[in-house]
Amino acid sequence: MDRIARIHQLLQVTPKDNFLRHALALEYSKAGELAKARQLFEDILTEFPDYIGSYYHLGKLLEAMGEPALALEWYAKGMIAARKVGDLHAYSELQSVHDELAY
């Protein structure tokens, strides 16, 4: 069974498991199914804005999809969320990719 199928199987038991949803989005991204990956990342962050790790990956995905302005918006949202939960490491990473893309 491939990874995508296995994660789908696990999500049937726990459909709102953000670790699994995030992993599935990464697998979709690797498989070139960018729209599916994007939708999953956006769903995670809309429902659970404190799931900090997905901001970076969504931003990078949006950059790859040719949407840098939207990537900047998500990086900025991620910085706000990271600061709110006190995750200074994630904040620093998001700020770095934001600033690199903005300039």
Protein backbone atom coordinates (compact mmCIF):
# COMPACT_ATOMS: atom_id res chain seq x y z
CA MET A 1 0.00 0.00 0.00
CA ASP A 2 1.41 3.40 -0.91
CA ARG A 3 1.78 6.20 1.62
CA ILE A 4 -1.19 8.22 0.37
CA ALA A 5 -3.51 5.23 0.61
CA ARG A 6 -2.17 4.34 4.06
CA ILE A 7 -2.69 7.87 5.38
CA HIS A 8 -6.22 7.91 3.96
CA GLN A 9 -6.87 4.66 5.79
CA LEU A 10 -5.64 6.15 9.07
CA LEU A 11 -7.69 9.30 8.52
CA GLN A 12 -10.85 7.21 8.36
CA VAL A 13 -10.33 6.51 12.06
CA THR A 14 -9.24 10.04 13.03
CA PRO A 15 -10.33 12.44 10.27
CA LYS A 16 -9.21 15.63 12.07
CA ASP A 17 -5.73 14.37 12.98
CA ASN A 18 -3.62 17.29 11.83
CA PHE A 19 -0.39 15.32 11.88
CA LEU A 20 -1.90 12.88 9.39
CA ARG A 21 -3.53 15.63 7.33
CA HIS A 22 -0.24 17.52 7.17
CA ALA A 23 1.59 14.32 6.17
CA LEU A 24 -0.99 13.68 3.46
CA ALA A 25 -0.55 17.20 2.11
CA LEU A 26 3.20 16.65 1.94
CA GLU A 27 2.69 13.36 0.11
CA TYR A 28 0.33 15.01 -2.35
CA SER A 29 2.92 17.72 -2.92
CA LYS A 30 5.65 15.14 -3.60
CA ALA A 31 3.31 13.37 -6.02
CA GLY A 32 2.70 16.60 -7.94
CA GLU A 33 -0.91 16.88 -6.79
CA LEU A 34 -0.42 20.48 -5.75
CA ALA A 35 -4.09 21.50 -5.68
CA LYS A 36 -4.90 18.68 -3.25
CA ALA A 37 -1.92 19.56 -1.07
CA ARG A 38 -2.90 23.23 -1.06
CA GLN A 39 -6.48 22.48 -0.09
CA LEU A 40 -5.38 20.29 2.81
CA PHE A 41 -2.91 22.86 4.14
CA GLU A 42 -5.53 25.62 3.84
CA ASP A 43 -8.14 23.44 5.58
CA ILE A 44 -5.76 22.66 8.44
CA LEU A 45 -4.83 26.30 8.97
CA THR A 46 -8.38 27.57 8.66
CA GLU A 47 -9.64 25.09 11.23
CA PHE A 48 -6.54 25.04 13.46
CA PRO A 49 -4.54 28.25 13.00
CA ASP A 50 -2.12 27.19 15.72
CA TYR A 51 -0.84 24.23 13.67
CA ILE A 52 2.29 26.26 12.97
CA GLY A 53 4.28 23.84 10.80
CA SER A 54 1.78 23.99 7.96
CA TYR A 55 2.32 27.71 7.32
CA TYR A 56 5.84 27.17 6.03
CA HIS A 57 4.87 24.30 3.77
CA LEU A 58 1.80 26.07 2.40
CA GLY A 59 3.89 29.15 1.65
CA LYS A 60 6.53 27.12 -0.16
CA LEU A 61 3.82 25.31 -2.11
CA LEU A 62 2.25 28.61 -3.14
CA GLU A 63 5.64 29.88 -4.24
CA ALA A 64 6.04 26.76 -6.39
CA MET A 65 2.57 27.34 -7.83
CA GLY A 66 3.55 30.87 -8.89
CA GLU A 67 1.56 32.70 -6.21
CA PRO A 68 4.20 34.65 -4.27
CA ALA A 69 1.81 37.32 -2.98
CA LEU A 70 -0.40 34.68 -1.41
CA ALA A 71 2.65 32.90 -0.01
CA LEU A 72 3.67 36.15 1.68
CA GLU A 73 0.20 36.44 3.23
CA TRP A 74 0.40 32.93 4.67
CA TYR A 75 3.94 33.47 5.96
CA ALA A 76 2.72 36.64 7.72
CA LYS A 77 -0.26 34.79 9.21
CA GLY A 78 2.15 32.09 10.36
CA MET A 79 4.41 34.61 12.07
CA ILE A 80 1.43 36.00 13.97
CA ALA A 81 0.31 32.51 14.98
CA ALA A 82 3.84 31.45 15.97
CA ARG A 83 4.29 34.54 18.11
CA LYS A 84 0.90 33.95 19.73
CA VAL A 85 1.86 30.42 20.86
CA GLY A 86 5.42 31.43 21.73
CA ASP A 87 7.14 29.36 19.04
CA LEU A 88 10.09 31.64 18.36
CA HIS A 89 11.92 29.09 16.20
CA ALA A 90 8.98 28.80 13.80
CA TYR A 91 8.55 32.57 13.87
CA SER A 92 12.18 33.02 12.86
CA GLU A 93 11.90 30.51 10.01
CA LEU A 94 8.72 32.09 8.70
CA GLN A 95 10.19 35.57 8.95
CA SER A 96 13.27 34.42 7.05
CA VAL A 97 11.32 32.96 4.11
CA HIS A 98 8.93 35.93 4.15
CA ASP A 99 11.74 38.46 4.02
CA GLU A 100 13.64 36.50 1.36
CA LEU A 101 10.56 36.41 -0.86
CA ALA A 102 9.55 40.01 -0.18
CA TYR A 103 12.92 41.46 -1.21
